[in-house]
Amino acid sequence: MKVTVDLDNGLWMSGCHVKCNRITGNEERSTCPFKYMQLSFTIGMANSGPRSPTPDDFDLTAILKSGVPGGFWPSDGVVLAVARGKDGKIVSRKVYKSTSTHAYKKSIEGLEEKPLQGVKDLCLLSNFSPCGDCAEKLCEWSAQNEGVCVSIRFAHLHNIHVRVHKVAEDNALGLRKLVEEGVQLKALSDYDWLQLLMIDRGFAAKDEWIAKRKQVDEKNQKDLEEILQSTSLDETLEKMRLY
């Protein structure tokens, strides 16, 4: 199966649950014909608009295998930040990688240094969920930019399953604060992968990795929901501890 999509005017993970139901709403998602096994694309790229990230900018293999049994543990965090204007068109698409400063914090600092005019939607996609400190930075920016719908998609929960309880607790509380601030926070899903894989026309995901990825994504979402809904966070994190 081949699918032709115009990325610059298309559906790149646009919007939060309330404002853009065509992407994140349960009804629309349930009728989406694209599943994990249908990941072969022919991309129709627009001649104008921001440059799409290349595989060198955003390592799709690292994202695909992040947190998957038999895969590997990425040494660095990477964030793809996509900003859209009132008309739904992409006004900025940038990649940030963790160094001494985490990628999420870099993405917000970039927006603070060079504010974008007329932004209504900011989507951050990463191989990790935000840590507690990055969550604080994201919450501050969101509070100062109430008119912007912020959403986050991640491939792996960052340091939630660790033995050091204080680290896991700080990160879990950060996730809760993000949701309280109105940030839409979700694990990657089949629809998100459809959009993500568009940035590399030659990327080929083997069926075995697609199947593994689906299992991990579903577990990530389940664990996230438990963290957000738990009335006893200590007990929840204790049950989730893996190492």
Protein backbone atom coordinates (compact mmCIF):
# COMPACT_ATOMS: atom_id res chain seq x y z
CA MET A 1 0.00 0.00 0.00
CA LYS A 2 1.30 3.46 -0.96
CA VAL A 3 -0.02 6.69 0.52
CA THR A 4 0.66 10.13 -0.97
CA VAL A 5 0.62 12.98 1.55
CA ASP A 6 1.46 16.68 1.36
CA LEU A 7 3.42 17.11 4.61
CA ASP A 8 3.61 20.91 4.71
CA ASN A 9 -0.16 21.28 4.29
CA GLY A 10 -1.02 17.91 5.75
CA LEU A 11 -1.73 16.44 9.16
CA TRP A 12 1.57 16.56 11.05
CA MET A 13 0.37 15.76 14.59
CA SER A 14 -1.70 18.91 14.68
CA GLY A 15 -3.31 20.16 17.81
CA CYS A 16 -4.52 19.23 21.24
CA HIS A 17 -7.49 17.02 22.03
CA VAL A 18 -10.01 19.81 22.45
CA LYS A 19 -8.95 22.09 19.63
CA CYS A 20 -8.05 19.55 16.96
CA ASN A 21 -10.26 16.51 17.35
CA ARG A 22 -9.64 15.44 13.76
CA ILE A 23 -6.24 14.23 14.87
CA THR A 24 -6.54 13.26 18.53
CA GLY A 25 -10.23 12.51 19.06
CA ASN A 26 -11.22 8.93 19.75
CA GLU A 27 -13.83 8.88 17.00
CA GLU A 28 -11.45 10.08 14.32
CA ARG A 29 -8.62 7.86 15.53
CA SER A 30 -10.80 4.76 15.55
CA THR A 31 -11.71 5.25 11.89
CA CYS A 32 -8.15 5.93 10.74
CA PRO A 33 -7.18 3.26 8.18
CA PHE A 34 -3.45 3.51 8.91
CA LYS A 35 -2.11 0.84 11.26
CA TYR A 36 1.35 -0.20 12.39
CA MET A 37 1.71 -2.65 9.52
CA GLN A 38 1.05 -0.01 6.85
CA LEU A 39 4.21 2.08 6.92
CA SER A 40 5.24 2.45 3.27
CA PHE A 41 4.86 5.96 1.93
CA THR A 42 5.34 8.17 -1.08
CA ILE A 43 5.52 11.73 0.20
CA GLY A 44 4.38 14.72 -1.85
CA MET A 45 6.39 17.61 -0.46
CA ALA A 46 5.30 21.23 -0.93
CA ASN A 47 7.79 23.57 -2.58
CA SER A 48 7.40 26.24 0.08
CA GLY A 49 7.42 26.28 3.86
CA PRO A 50 9.97 25.22 6.50
CA ARG A 51 12.51 22.54 5.63
CA SER A 52 11.61 19.08 6.88
CA PRO A 53 14.08 17.49 9.32
CA THR A 54 16.36 14.91 7.73
CA PRO A 55 17.21 11.49 9.20
CA ASP A 56 20.52 13.01 10.33
CA ASP A 57 18.58 15.59 12.34
CA PHE A 58 16.09 13.18 13.84
CA ASP A 59 17.16 9.54 14.14
CA LEU A 60 14.07 7.50 13.34
CA THR A 61 15.80 4.21 14.11
CA ALA A 62 16.64 5.44 17.61
CA ILE A 63 13.04 6.49 18.16
CA LEU A 64 11.65 3.22 16.81
CA LYS A 65 13.88 1.08 19.03
CA SER A 66 13.77 3.29 22.14
CA GLY A 67 12.69 1.22 25.12
CA VAL A 68 11.86 -1.83 22.99
CA PRO A 69 13.14 -5.25 24.17
CA GLY A 70 16.07 -6.17 21.94
CA GLY A 71 16.55 -2.53 20.99
CA PHE A 72 18.82 -0.10 22.74
CA TRP A 73 18.76 2.72 25.25
CA PRO A 74 19.37 6.06 23.47
CA SER A 75 22.16 8.02 25.12
CA ASP A 76 20.65 11.39 24.18
CA GLY A 77 17.21 12.88 24.14
CA VAL A 78 15.95 14.44 20.92
CA VAL A 79 12.88 16.63 20.42
CA LEU A 80 11.15 17.53 17.18
CA ALA A 81 9.24 20.79 17.76
CA VAL A 82 6.50 21.62 15.26
CA ALA A 83 4.72 24.99 15.58
CA ARG A 84 1.58 25.88 13.61
CA GLY A 85 -0.18 29.17 13.05
CA LYS A 86 -3.87 30.06 13.18
CA ASP A 87 -4.41 28.69 9.67
CA GLY A 88 -3.00 25.31 10.65
CA LYS A 89 0.11 25.65 8.50
CA ILE A 90 3.56 24.87 9.85
CA VAL A 91 5.54 28.01 10.73
CA SER A 92 8.50 26.27 12.37
CA ARG A 93 9.89 22.74 12.47
CA LYS A 94 13.13 22.29 14.43
CA VAL A 95 15.14 19.51 16.04
CA TYR A 96 16.77 19.85 19.47
CA LYS A 97 19.23 17.37 20.98
CA SER A 98 20.25 17.01 24.61
CA THR A 99 23.73 18.09 25.60
CA SER A 100 24.41 19.71 28.96
CA THR A 101 20.87 21.08 28.54
CA HIS A 102 17.97 18.73 27.93
CA ALA A 103 16.29 18.85 24.51
CA TYR A 104 12.87 19.86 25.88
CA LYS A 105 14.38 22.82 27.72
CA LYS A 106 16.33 23.79 24.59
CA SER A 107 13.14 23.83 22.54
CA ILE A 108 11.45 26.24 24.95
CA GLU A 109 14.55 28.42 25.29
CA GLY A 110 14.60 28.62 21.50
CA LEU A 111 11.04 29.93 21.50
CA GLU A 112 11.90 32.43 24.24
CA GLU A 113 14.94 33.73 22.37
CA LYS A 114 13.11 34.00 19.04
CA PRO A 115 9.35 34.16 19.69
CA LEU A 116 7.14 33.10 16.80
CA GLN A 117 4.23 35.32 15.87
CA GLY A 118 0.74 33.87 15.64
CA VAL A 119 1.53 30.39 16.94
CA LYS A 120 -1.59 28.49 18.02
CA ASP A 121 -0.24 24.97 18.26
CA LEU A 122 3.07 23.51 19.49
CA CYS A 123 3.73 19.78 19.23
CA LEU A 124 6.86 18.26 20.78
CA LEU A 125 7.77 14.71 19.76
CA SER A 126 10.61 12.92 21.50
CA ASN A 127 12.16 9.56 22.31
CA PHE A 128 11.65 10.40 26.00
CA SER A 129 8.94 11.98 28.11
CA PRO A 130 10.06 15.19 29.89
CA CYS A 131 11.99 14.97 33.15
CA GLY A 132 10.75 16.89 36.19
CA ASP A 133 12.91 19.95 35.49
CA CYS A 134 11.90 20.12 31.82
CA ALA A 135 8.26 19.72 32.82
CA GLU A 136 8.61 22.80 35.05
CA LYS A 137 10.05 24.80 32.15
CA LEU A 138 7.29 23.64 29.83
CA CYS A 139 4.62 24.55 32.39
CA GLU A 140 6.07 28.05 32.81
CA TRP A 141 6.08 28.65 29.07
CA SER A 142 2.57 27.27 28.65
CA ALA A 143 1.24 29.52 31.43
CA GLN A 144 2.81 32.54 29.73
CA ASN A 145 1.38 31.55 26.34
CA GLU A 146 -2.20 30.62 27.18
CA GLY A 147 -3.34 30.94 23.59
CA VAL A 148 -1.03 28.15 22.41
CA CYS A 149 -2.16 24.53 22.49
CA VAL A 150 0.82 22.40 23.61
CA SER A 151 1.02 18.65 23.04
CA ILE A 152 3.77 16.10 23.71
CA ARG A 153 4.28 12.64 22.22
CA PHE A 154 7.00 10.30 23.51
CA ALA A 155 8.47 6.87 22.74
CA HIS A 156 9.68 6.03 26.26
CA LEU A 157 8.86 7.14 29.80
CA HIS A 158 11.97 8.88 31.09
CA ASN A 159 13.33 7.44 34.37
CA ILE A 160 9.96 6.32 35.71
CA HIS A 161 10.89 2.67 36.23
CA VAL A 162 14.18 3.35 38.04
CA ARG A 163 15.14 2.14 41.51
CA VAL A 164 15.97 5.66 42.77
CA HIS A 165 12.55 6.64 44.05
CA LYS A 166 13.20 10.40 44.25
CA VAL A 167 14.11 10.52 40.55
CA ALA A 168 11.04 8.54 39.50
CA GLU A 169 8.79 10.61 41.77
CA ASP A 170 10.10 13.95 40.48
CA ASN A 171 9.56 12.87 36.89
CA ALA A 172 6.10 11.46 37.60
CA LEU A 173 5.03 14.64 39.40
CA GLY A 174 6.34 16.62 36.43
CA LEU A 175 4.05 14.67 34.10
CA ARG A 176 1.10 15.41 36.38
CA LYS A 177 1.91 19.11 36.42
CA LEU A 178 2.00 19.21 32.63
CA VAL A 179 -1.49 17.75 32.39
CA GLU A 180 -2.76 20.11 35.09
CA GLU A 181 -1.37 22.99 33.03
CA GLY A 182 -3.40 21.80 30.06
CA VAL A 183 -0.59 20.16 28.09
CA GLN A 184 -1.74 17.12 26.14
CA LEU A 185 0.61 14.28 27.03
CA LYS A 186 0.50 10.91 25.27
CA ALA A 187 2.65 7.97 24.29
CA LEU A 188 3.19 7.52 20.56
CA SER A 189 0.35 5.77 18.72
CA ASP A 190 -0.15 4.29 15.26
CA TYR A 191 -1.32 7.63 13.86
CA ASP A 192 1.68 9.47 15.33
CA TRP A 193 4.03 6.95 13.72
CA LEU A 194 2.35 7.53 10.39
CA GLN A 195 3.16 11.23 10.66
CA LEU A 196 6.67 10.72 12.08
CA LEU A 197 7.81 8.33 9.38
CA MET A 198 6.99 10.89 6.73
CA ILE A 199 10.18 12.82 7.45
CA ASP A 200 12.29 10.04 5.92
CA ARG A 201 11.01 8.76 2.59
CA GLY A 202 13.53 5.95 2.53
CA PHE A 203 13.00 4.71 6.09
CA ALA A 204 11.95 1.06 6.26
CA ALA A 205 10.61 -0.40 9.50
CA LYS A 206 10.73 -4.19 9.72
CA ASP A 207 7.56 -5.96 10.77
CA GLU A 208 9.22 -7.35 13.92
CA TRP A 209 10.04 -3.83 15.12
CA ILE A 210 6.60 -2.52 14.23
CA ALA A 211 4.99 -5.24 16.35
CA LYS A 212 7.37 -4.62 19.27
CA ARG A 213 6.89 -0.87 18.99
CA LYS A 214 3.12 -1.23 19.23
CA GLN A 215 3.40 -3.27 22.43
CA VAL A 216 5.75 -0.73 24.03
CA ASP A 217 3.60 2.23 22.98
CA GLU A 218 0.50 0.64 24.50
CA LYS A 219 2.37 -0.10 27.74
CA ASN A 220 3.73 3.46 27.86
CA GLN A 221 0.21 4.85 27.57
CA LYS A 222 -1.09 2.44 30.23
CA ASP A 223 1.72 3.39 32.64
CA LEU A 224 1.18 7.09 31.95
CA GLU A 225 -2.53 6.83 32.71
CA GLU A 226 -1.77 4.98 35.96
CA ILE A 227 0.63 7.74 37.00
CA LEU A 228 -1.87 10.47 36.21
CA GLN A 229 -4.79 8.74 37.91
CA SER A 230 -3.06 7.14 40.89
CA THR A 231 -4.19 8.11 44.39
CA SER A 232 -1.01 6.57 45.83
CA LEU A 233 1.89 7.52 43.59
CA ASP A 234 4.48 5.80 45.81
CA GLU A 235 2.74 2.44 45.44
CA THR A 236 2.25 2.93 41.70
CA LEU A 237 5.93 3.69 41.11
CA GLU A 238 6.95 0.76 43.30
CA LYS A 239 4.93 -1.61 41.09
CA MET A 240 6.42 -0.11 37.93
CA ARG A 241 10.04 -0.42 39.07
CA LEU A 242 12.11 -2.51 36.67
CA TYR A 243 15.72 -1.69 37.54
